[in-house]
C-alpha atoms as a PDB file:
ATOM      1  CA  ALA A   1     -35.586  14.166 -20.887  1.00  0.00           C
ATOM      2  CA  GLY A   2     -37.229  13.933 -17.475  1.00  0.00           C
ATOM      3  CA  ALA A   3     -38.255  16.120 -14.548  1.00  0.00           C
ATOM      4  CA  TYR A   4     -38.365  14.893 -11.022  1.00  0.00           C
ATOM      5  CA  HIS A   5     -39.363  16.149  -7.627  1.00  0.00           C
ATOM      6  CA  ASP A   6     -37.185  15.300  -4.613  1.00  0.00           C
ATOM      7  CA  ALA A   7     -39.387  15.028  -1.547  1.00  0.00           C
ATOM      8  CA  GLY A   8     -36.450  15.076   0.802  1.00  0.00           C
ATOM      9  CA  SER A   9     -35.194  18.441  -0.304  1.00  0.00           C
ATOM     10  CA  SER A  10     -38.396  19.778  -1.846  1.00  0.00           C
ATOM     11  CA  ALA A  11     -36.563  20.596  -4.915  1.00  0.00           C
ATOM     12  CA  TRP A  12     -36.778  19.868  -8.621  1.00  0.00           C
ATOM     13  CA  TYR A  13     -34.364  18.038 -10.704  1.00  0.00           C
ATOM     14  CA  SER A  14     -34.464  18.002 -14.644  1.00  0.00           C
ATOM     15  CA  GLU A  15     -32.135  16.311 -17.183  1.00  0.00           C
ATOM     16  CA  LEU A  16     -31.827  16.179 -20.871  1.00  0.00           C
ATOM     17  CA  GLU A  17     -30.041  12.984 -22.188  1.00  0.00           C
ATOM     18  CA  THR A  18     -29.130  11.657 -25.531  1.00  0.00           C
ATOM     19  CA  GLY A  19     -27.668   8.256 -26.599  1.00  0.00           C
ATOM     20  CA  TRP A  20     -25.942   6.416 -29.398  1.00  0.00           C
ATOM     21  CA  SER A  21     -25.386   2.778 -30.043  1.00  0.00           C
ATOM     22  CA  TYR A  22     -23.344   0.659 -32.488  1.00  0.00           C
ATOM     23  CA  ARG A  23     -24.021  -2.968 -33.274  1.00  0.00           C
ATOM     24  CA  ILE A  24     -20.857  -4.955 -33.089  1.00  0.00           C
ATOM     25  CA  SER A  25     -22.359  -8.372 -33.748  1.00  0.00           C
ATOM     26  CA  ASP A  26     -25.792 -10.092 -33.756  1.00  0.00           C
ATOM     27  CA  ASP A  27     -25.335 -10.494 -29.863  1.00  0.00           C
ATOM     28  CA  ALA A  28     -23.294  -7.450 -28.867  1.00  0.00           C
ATOM     29  CA  TYR A  29     -23.540  -3.528 -29.010  1.00  0.00           C
ATOM     30  CA  LEU A  30     -21.785  -0.610 -27.686  1.00  0.00           C
ATOM     31  CA  GLY A  31     -23.890   2.128 -26.067  1.00  0.00           C
ATOM     32  CA  VAL A  32     -22.941   5.677 -25.208  1.00  0.00           C
ATOM     33  CA  THR A  33     -25.177   8.167 -23.347  1.00  0.00           C
ATOM     34  CA  GLY A  34     -24.659  11.740 -22.152  1.00  0.00           C
ATOM     35  CA  GLY A  35     -26.593  14.494 -20.713  1.00  0.00           C
ATOM     36  CA  VAL A  36     -26.809  17.570 -18.551  1.00  0.00           C
ATOM     37  CA  SER A  37     -29.042  18.276 -15.490  1.00  0.00           C
ATOM     38  CA  VAL A  38     -30.576  21.417 -14.184  1.00  0.00           C
ATOM     39  CA  VAL A  39     -31.723  21.875 -10.559  1.00  0.00           C
ATOM     40  CA  GLU A  40     -33.879  24.274  -8.544  1.00  0.00           C
ATOM     41  CA  GLU A  41     -32.878  24.481  -4.864  1.00  0.00           C
ATOM     42  CA  PHE A  42     -31.538  21.001  -4.918  1.00  0.00           C
ATOM     43  CA  TYR A  43     -29.567  20.678  -1.635  1.00  0.00           C
ATOM     44  CA  GLY A  44     -28.380  24.256  -1.941  1.00  0.00           C
ATOM     45  CA  SER A  45     -27.758  24.245  -5.755  1.00  0.00           C
ATOM     46  CA  SER A  46     -29.725  25.908  -8.526  1.00  0.00           C
ATOM     47  CA  GLY A  47     -29.034  26.119 -12.104  1.00  0.00           C
ATOM     48  CA  ILE A  48     -26.911  23.728 -14.430  1.00  0.00           C
ATOM     49  CA  HIS A  49     -25.878  20.994 -12.154  1.00  0.00           C
ATOM     50  CA  ASP A  50     -23.811  18.492 -13.909  1.00  0.00           C
ATOM     51  CA  PHE A  51     -22.786  16.882 -17.129  1.00  0.00           C
ATOM     52  CA  PHE A  52     -22.981  13.109 -17.089  1.00  0.00           C
ATOM     53  CA  GLY A  53     -22.369  10.098 -19.283  1.00  0.00           C
ATOM     54  CA  ARG A  54     -22.072   6.408 -19.553  1.00  0.00           C
ATOM     55  CA  VAL A  55     -20.408   3.666 -21.822  1.00  0.00           C
ATOM     56  CA  SER A  56     -21.778   0.181 -21.947  1.00  0.00           C
ATOM     57  CA  LEU A  57     -21.074  -2.983 -23.803  1.00  0.00           C
ATOM     58  CA  THR A  58     -24.018  -5.303 -23.943  1.00  0.00           C
ATOM     59  CA  TYR A  59     -23.726  -8.939 -24.753  1.00  0.00           C
ATOM     60  CA  ASN A  60     -26.969 -10.991 -25.372  1.00  0.00           C
ATOM     61  CA  VAL A  61     -26.323 -14.532 -24.120  1.00  0.00           C
ATOM     62  CA  ASN A  62     -29.515 -15.643 -25.692  1.00  0.00           C
ATOM     63  CA  SER A  63     -32.972 -14.038 -26.396  1.00  0.00           C
ATOM     64  CA  VAL A  64     -33.649 -13.682 -22.674  1.00  0.00           C
ATOM     65  CA  VAL A  65     -30.279 -13.103 -20.838  1.00  0.00           C
ATOM     66  CA  SER A  66     -27.929 -10.042 -21.302  1.00  0.00           C
ATOM     67  CA  PHE A  67     -24.818  -8.822 -19.500  1.00  0.00           C
ATOM     68  CA  SER A  68     -23.691  -5.166 -19.690  1.00  0.00           C
ATOM     69  CA  PRO A  69     -20.490  -3.967 -18.073  1.00  0.00           C
ATOM     70  CA  PHE A  70     -20.544  -0.186 -17.839  1.00  0.00           C
ATOM     71  CA  ALA A  71     -18.553   2.907 -16.759  1.00  0.00           C
ATOM     72  CA  GLY A  72     -19.954   6.351 -16.049  1.00  0.00           C
ATOM     73  CA  TRP A  73     -19.079   9.743 -14.997  1.00  0.00           C
ATOM     74  CA  SER A  74     -20.588  12.969 -13.420  1.00  0.00           C
ATOM     75  CA  VAL A  75     -18.851  16.404 -13.645  1.00  0.00           C
ATOM     76  CA  GLU A  76     -20.409  18.984 -11.544  1.00  0.00           C
ATOM     77  CA  PHE A  77     -20.475  22.561 -12.705  1.00  0.00           C
ATOM     78  CA  ASP A  78     -20.728  24.147  -9.275  1.00  0.00           C
ATOM     79  CA  ASP A  79     -19.145  22.027  -6.534  1.00  0.00           C
ATOM     80  CA  THR A  80     -20.522  23.921  -3.492  1.00  0.00           C
ATOM     81  CA  ASP A  81     -21.182  20.797  -1.460  1.00  0.00           C
ATOM     82  CA  GLY A  82     -17.824  19.302  -1.897  1.00  0.00           C
ATOM     83  CA  ASP A  83     -19.080  15.996  -3.458  1.00  0.00           C
ATOM     84  CA  GLY A  84     -17.044  16.829  -6.631  1.00  0.00           C
ATOM     85  CA  ASN A  85     -16.810  14.735  -9.777  1.00  0.00           C
ATOM     86  CA  GLU A  86     -17.577  10.986  -9.901  1.00  0.00           C
ATOM     87  CA  LEU A  87     -16.496   7.957 -11.821  1.00  0.00           C
ATOM     88  CA  PHE A  88     -18.412   4.740 -11.447  1.00  0.00           C
ATOM     89  CA  GLY A  89     -18.855   1.336 -12.987  1.00  0.00           C
ATOM     90  CA  GLY A  90     -20.694  -1.916 -12.611  1.00  0.00           C
ATOM     91  CA  LEU A  91     -22.308  -4.769 -14.376  1.00  0.00           C
ATOM     92  CA  TRP A  92     -26.018  -5.021 -15.314  1.00  0.00           C
ATOM     93  CA  PHE A  93     -27.537  -8.539 -15.487  1.00  0.00           C
ATOM     94  CA  GLU A  94     -30.666  -8.453 -17.456  1.00  0.00           C
ATOM     95  CA  VAL A  95     -33.463 -11.112 -17.758  1.00  0.00           C
ATOM     96  CA  SER A  96     -36.471 -10.634 -19.980  1.00  0.00           C
ATOM     97  CA  PHE A  97     -39.601 -12.764 -19.632  1.00  0.00           C
END
């Protein structure tokens, strides 16, 4: 859960998110997250804004380096600004030290 203030639009954005993970092996796991956001005068929108989610597969190369390809989505409840729904993906490269 989080609440944020956007200085550019002088608006509030809040979200509630949950997640689940499944260990595939000692070095890999599947992660799924999803949530919903609520806005107040956020670029002309107020109320429930969107439902969003992400699926990732993390592989730990060693105790310091990980790779996580992911795919995500956002489905807007009220598409008044014409941006519509979104699909996206990418690759996270993580180094811990």
